[in-house]
């Protein structure tokens, strides 16, 4: 579950009865307050709509295969990119 370390502020929202029922059922099943389910939902949707100041990857971290790409190409590219990033994070020379 989502646990906030920041101060909570009270707000009012309108919700469909069917959504409130789902929240009530989930809270009962998990043994947590309904408010915790609602806070987690707010947090998740806020993150989903966040606009980042920096791109997720830089142009140097993208790949141009110049043609059709198969599963092996993707796996190899992701592995290579991951290894390069790890090497950079450790401060190793490329």
N, C-alpha and C. Protein backbone atom coordinates (compact mmCIF):
# COMPACT_ATOMS: atom_id res chain seq x y z
N UNK A 1 0.83 -1.18 0.00
CA UNK A 1 0.00 0.00 0.00
C UNK A 1 0.87 1.25 0.00
N UNK A 2 0.29 2.32 -0.44
CA UNK A 2 0.96 3.62 -0.48
C UNK A 2 0.98 4.21 0.92
N UNK A 3 2.15 4.63 1.37
CA UNK A 3 2.28 5.28 2.67
C UNK A 3 2.95 6.63 2.48
N UNK A 4 2.21 7.68 2.72
CA UNK A 4 2.73 9.02 2.53
C UNK A 4 3.57 9.45 3.73
N UNK A 5 4.64 10.18 3.45
CA UNK A 5 5.44 10.75 4.52
C UNK A 5 5.17 12.25 4.62
N UNK A 6 4.37 12.78 3.73
CA UNK A 6 4.03 14.19 3.74
C UNK A 6 2.72 14.40 4.50
N UNK A 7 2.50 15.64 4.92
CA UNK A 7 1.27 15.97 5.63
C UNK A 7 0.08 15.76 4.70
N UNK A 8 -0.99 15.25 5.25
CA UNK A 8 -2.20 15.01 4.47
C UNK A 8 -3.11 16.22 4.56
N UNK A 9 -3.81 16.50 3.47
CA UNK A 9 -4.78 17.59 3.44
C UNK A 9 -6.13 17.00 3.09
N UNK A 10 -7.14 17.55 3.69
CA UNK A 10 -8.51 17.08 3.46
C UNK A 10 -9.06 17.71 2.19
N UNK A 11 -9.79 16.91 1.41
CA UNK A 11 -10.45 17.41 0.21
C UNK A 11 -11.73 16.62 0.01
N UNK A 12 -12.61 17.15 -0.79
CA UNK A 12 -13.86 16.45 -1.11
C UNK A 12 -13.85 16.08 -2.58
N UNK A 13 -14.28 14.87 -2.88
CA UNK A 13 -14.40 14.43 -4.26
C UNK A 13 -15.75 13.74 -4.43
N UNK A 14 -16.24 13.73 -5.66
CA UNK A 14 -17.46 13.01 -5.99
C UNK A 14 -17.06 11.72 -6.68
N UNK A 15 -17.70 10.63 -6.31
CA UNK A 15 -17.38 9.33 -6.89
C UNK A 15 -18.66 8.57 -7.17
N UNK A 16 -18.59 7.71 -8.19
CA UNK A 16 -19.72 6.85 -8.51
C UNK A 16 -19.93 5.83 -7.39
N UNK A 17 -21.20 5.48 -7.17
CA UNK A 17 -21.51 4.47 -6.15
C UNK A 17 -20.77 3.16 -6.41
N UNK A 18 -20.67 2.78 -7.69
CA UNK A 18 -20.01 1.51 -8.03
C UNK A 18 -18.52 1.56 -7.67
N UNK A 19 -17.87 2.72 -7.87
CA UNK A 19 -16.46 2.85 -7.50
C UNK A 19 -16.29 2.80 -5.98
N UNK A 20 -17.19 3.46 -5.27
CA UNK A 20 -17.12 3.45 -3.82
C UNK A 20 -17.32 2.04 -3.26
N UNK A 21 -18.18 1.27 -3.90
CA UNK A 21 -18.39 -0.12 -3.48
C UNK A 21 -17.11 -0.93 -3.69
N UNK A 22 -16.46 -0.74 -4.83
CA UNK A 22 -15.19 -1.45 -5.10
C UNK A 22 -14.13 -1.08 -4.06
N UNK A 23 -14.08 0.19 -3.70
CA UNK A 23 -13.12 0.65 -2.70
C UNK A 23 -13.43 0.01 -1.35
N UNK A 24 -14.71 0.00 -0.99
CA UNK A 24 -15.13 -0.60 0.29
C UNK A 24 -14.77 -2.09 0.33
N UNK A 25 -15.02 -2.80 -0.76
CA UNK A 25 -14.70 -4.23 -0.82
C UNK A 25 -13.20 -4.46 -0.73
N UNK A 26 -12.42 -3.66 -1.45
CA UNK A 26 -10.96 -3.82 -1.43
C UNK A 26 -10.41 -3.53 -0.04
N UNK A 27 -10.91 -2.49 0.60
CA UNK A 27 -10.45 -2.14 1.94
C UNK A 27 -10.76 -3.26 2.93
N UNK A 28 -11.94 -3.81 2.83
CA UNK A 28 -12.31 -4.91 3.72
C UNK A 28 -11.44 -6.14 3.47
N UNK A 29 -11.21 -6.45 2.21
CA UNK A 29 -10.40 -7.62 1.86
C UNK A 29 -8.96 -7.45 2.35
N UNK A 30 -8.42 -6.23 2.24
CA UNK A 30 -7.03 -5.97 2.62
C UNK A 30 -6.88 -5.60 4.09
N UNK A 31 -8.00 -5.31 4.75
CA UNK A 31 -7.94 -4.93 6.17
C UNK A 31 -7.34 -3.56 6.40
N UNK A 32 -7.62 -2.64 5.47
CA UNK A 32 -7.11 -1.26 5.59
C UNK A 32 -8.29 -0.30 5.50
N UNK A 33 -8.10 0.94 5.95
CA UNK A 33 -9.18 1.92 5.82
C UNK A 33 -9.45 2.25 4.35
N UNK A 34 -10.69 2.57 4.04
CA UNK A 34 -11.05 2.98 2.68
C UNK A 34 -10.22 4.18 2.24
N UNK A 35 -9.94 5.08 3.17
CA UNK A 35 -9.16 6.28 2.84
C UNK A 35 -7.78 5.92 2.30
N UNK A 36 -7.20 4.82 2.79
CA UNK A 36 -5.89 4.41 2.30
C UNK A 36 -5.96 3.98 0.84
N UNK A 37 -7.02 3.27 0.47
CA UNK A 37 -7.22 2.86 -0.92
C UNK A 37 -7.38 4.11 -1.80
N UNK A 38 -8.15 5.06 -1.34
CA UNK A 38 -8.39 6.29 -2.10
C UNK A 38 -7.09 7.08 -2.25
N UNK A 39 -6.31 7.21 -1.17
CA UNK A 39 -5.03 7.94 -1.25
C UNK A 39 -4.08 7.27 -2.23
N UNK A 40 -4.03 5.94 -2.20
CA UNK A 40 -3.16 5.21 -3.12
C UNK A 40 -3.59 5.46 -4.57
N UNK A 41 -4.91 5.45 -4.80
CA UNK A 41 -5.41 5.71 -6.14
C UNK A 41 -5.06 7.11 -6.63
N UNK A 42 -5.20 8.08 -5.75
CA UNK A 42 -4.84 9.46 -6.10
C UNK A 42 -3.36 9.55 -6.43
N UNK A 43 -2.54 8.91 -5.61
CA UNK A 43 -1.09 8.94 -5.83
C UNK A 43 -0.72 8.31 -7.17
N UNK A 44 -1.30 7.15 -7.46
CA UNK A 44 -0.98 6.45 -8.71
C UNK A 44 -1.39 7.26 -9.94
N UNK A 45 -2.58 7.85 -9.90
CA UNK A 45 -3.03 8.61 -11.07
C UNK A 45 -2.23 9.90 -11.20
N UNK A 46 -1.83 10.49 -10.09
CA UNK A 46 -0.99 11.69 -10.15
C UNK A 46 0.35 11.37 -10.80
N UNK A 47 0.95 10.24 -10.43
CA UNK A 47 2.21 9.83 -11.05
C UNK A 47 2.03 9.50 -12.53
N UNK A 48 0.91 8.89 -12.87
CA UNK A 48 0.66 8.51 -14.26
C UNK A 48 0.54 9.73 -15.16
N UNK A 49 0.14 10.86 -14.62
CA UNK A 49 -0.04 12.07 -15.41
C UNK A 49 1.07 13.09 -15.19
N UNK A 50 2.11 12.68 -14.48
CA UNK A 50 3.23 13.58 -14.20
C UNK A 50 3.97 13.89 -15.50
N UNK A 51 4.43 15.12 -15.63
CA UNK A 51 5.26 15.52 -16.76
C UNK A 51 6.68 15.68 -16.23
N UNK A 52 7.58 14.90 -16.80
CA UNK A 52 8.97 14.90 -16.33
C UNK A 52 9.76 16.01 -16.99
N UNK A 53 10.69 16.59 -16.27
CA UNK A 53 11.55 17.66 -16.79
C UNK A 53 12.57 17.13 -17.79
N UNK A 54 12.93 15.87 -17.66
CA UNK A 54 13.93 15.27 -18.54
C UNK A 54 13.31 14.08 -19.27
N UNK A 55 13.79 13.80 -20.48
CA UNK A 55 13.28 12.61 -21.19
C UNK A 55 13.68 11.34 -20.44
N UNK A 56 12.90 10.29 -20.63
CA UNK A 56 13.19 9.02 -19.97
C UNK A 56 14.53 8.46 -20.43
N UNK A 57 14.81 8.59 -21.72
CA UNK A 57 16.10 8.19 -22.27
C UNK A 57 16.64 9.32 -23.14
N UNK A 58 17.94 9.40 -23.25
CA UNK A 58 18.56 10.40 -24.11
C UNK A 58 18.67 9.86 -25.52
N UNK A 59 18.99 10.72 -26.47
CA UNK A 59 19.17 10.27 -27.85
C UNK A 59 20.27 9.21 -27.94
N UNK A 60 21.29 9.34 -27.09
CA UNK A 60 22.39 8.36 -27.10
C UNK A 60 21.94 6.98 -26.61
N UNK A 61 20.82 6.95 -25.90
CA UNK A 61 20.33 5.68 -25.35
C UNK A 61 19.26 5.04 -26.23
N UNK A 62 18.98 5.63 -27.39
CA UNK A 62 18.00 5.04 -28.29
C UNK A 62 18.73 4.20 -29.33
N UNK A 63 17.97 3.39 -30.06
CA UNK A 63 18.57 2.46 -31.00
C UNK A 63 17.88 2.57 -32.35
N UNK A 64 18.68 2.60 -33.43
CA UNK A 64 18.14 2.58 -34.78
C UNK A 64 18.68 1.34 -35.47
N UNK A 65 17.83 0.34 -35.64
CA UNK A 65 18.24 -0.91 -36.27
C UNK A 65 18.17 -0.83 -37.79
N UNK A 66 17.52 0.21 -38.30
CA UNK A 66 17.46 0.40 -39.73
C UNK A 66 16.58 -0.59 -40.47
N UNK A 67 15.73 -1.28 -39.81
CA UNK A 67 14.85 -2.24 -40.49
C UNK A 67 13.99 -2.99 -39.50
N UNK A 68 13.40 -4.10 -39.95
CA UNK A 68 12.55 -4.90 -39.05
C UNK A 68 13.34 -5.36 -37.82
N UNK A 69 12.66 -5.40 -36.71
CA UNK A 69 13.28 -5.77 -35.44
C UNK A 69 12.56 -7.00 -34.89
N UNK A 70 13.35 -7.99 -34.46
CA UNK A 70 12.72 -9.18 -33.87
C UNK A 70 13.00 -9.22 -32.37
N UNK A 71 12.46 -10.21 -31.71
CA UNK A 71 12.58 -10.32 -30.25
C UNK A 71 14.03 -10.36 -29.80
N UNK A 72 14.88 -11.05 -30.53
CA UNK A 72 16.30 -11.13 -30.18
C UNK A 72 16.98 -9.78 -30.27
N UNK A 73 16.62 -8.99 -31.29
CA UNK A 73 17.19 -7.64 -31.42
C UNK A 73 16.82 -6.78 -30.22
N UNK A 74 15.56 -6.85 -29.81
CA UNK A 74 15.10 -6.06 -28.68
C UNK A 74 15.81 -6.50 -27.40
N UNK A 75 15.87 -7.80 -27.18
CA UNK A 75 16.53 -8.33 -25.97
C UNK A 75 18.00 -7.89 -25.93
N UNK A 76 18.69 -7.98 -27.05
CA UNK A 76 20.09 -7.60 -27.13
C UNK A 76 20.26 -6.10 -26.87
N UNK A 77 19.40 -5.29 -27.46
CA UNK A 77 19.49 -3.83 -27.29
C UNK A 77 19.23 -3.43 -25.85
N UNK A 78 18.22 -4.03 -25.23
CA UNK A 78 17.90 -3.70 -23.84
C UNK A 78 19.05 -4.12 -22.93
N UNK A 79 19.58 -5.30 -23.15
CA UNK A 79 20.70 -5.78 -22.34
C UNK A 79 21.90 -4.86 -22.49
N UNK A 80 22.21 -4.49 -23.73
CA UNK A 80 23.34 -3.59 -23.99
C UNK A 80 23.11 -2.24 -23.30
N UNK A 81 21.93 -1.67 -23.46
CA UNK A 81 21.61 -0.39 -22.84
C UNK A 81 21.71 -0.44 -21.32
N UNK A 82 21.20 -1.52 -20.75
CA UNK A 82 21.26 -1.69 -19.30
C UNK A 82 22.71 -1.77 -18.83
N UNK A 83 23.51 -2.56 -19.52
CA UNK A 83 24.92 -2.71 -19.13
C UNK A 83 25.67 -1.39 -19.27
N UNK A 84 25.39 -0.63 -20.33
CA UNK A 84 26.03 0.68 -20.50
C UNK A 84 25.65 1.64 -19.38
N UNK A 85 24.37 1.66 -19.03
CA UNK A 85 23.92 2.55 -17.96
C UNK A 85 24.55 2.15 -16.63
N UNK A 86 24.62 0.85 -16.33
CA UNK A 86 25.23 0.39 -15.09
C UNK A 86 26.71 0.78 -15.05
N UNK A 87 27.38 0.63 -16.17
CA UNK A 87 28.80 0.98 -16.25
C UNK A 87 28.97 2.49 -15.99
N UNK A 88 28.10 3.30 -16.60
CA UNK A 88 28.14 4.75 -16.39
C UNK A 88 27.87 5.08 -14.93
N UNK A 89 26.89 4.42 -14.33
CA UNK A 89 26.53 4.70 -12.94
C UNK A 89 27.66 4.34 -11.97
N UNK A 90 28.46 3.35 -12.33
CA UNK A 90 29.61 2.97 -11.50
C UNK A 90 30.80 3.89 -11.74
N UNK A 91 30.71 4.70 -12.81
CA UNK A 91 31.81 5.61 -13.14
C UNK A 91 32.88 4.96 -13.96
N UNK A 92 32.62 3.75 -14.50
CA UNK A 92 33.60 3.07 -15.36
C UNK A 92 33.66 3.75 -16.71
N UNK A 93 34.80 3.70 -17.35
CA UNK A 93 34.93 4.22 -18.71
C UNK A 93 34.18 3.31 -19.66
N UNK A 94 33.62 3.88 -20.71
CA UNK A 94 32.83 3.10 -21.67
C UNK A 94 33.70 2.17 -22.47
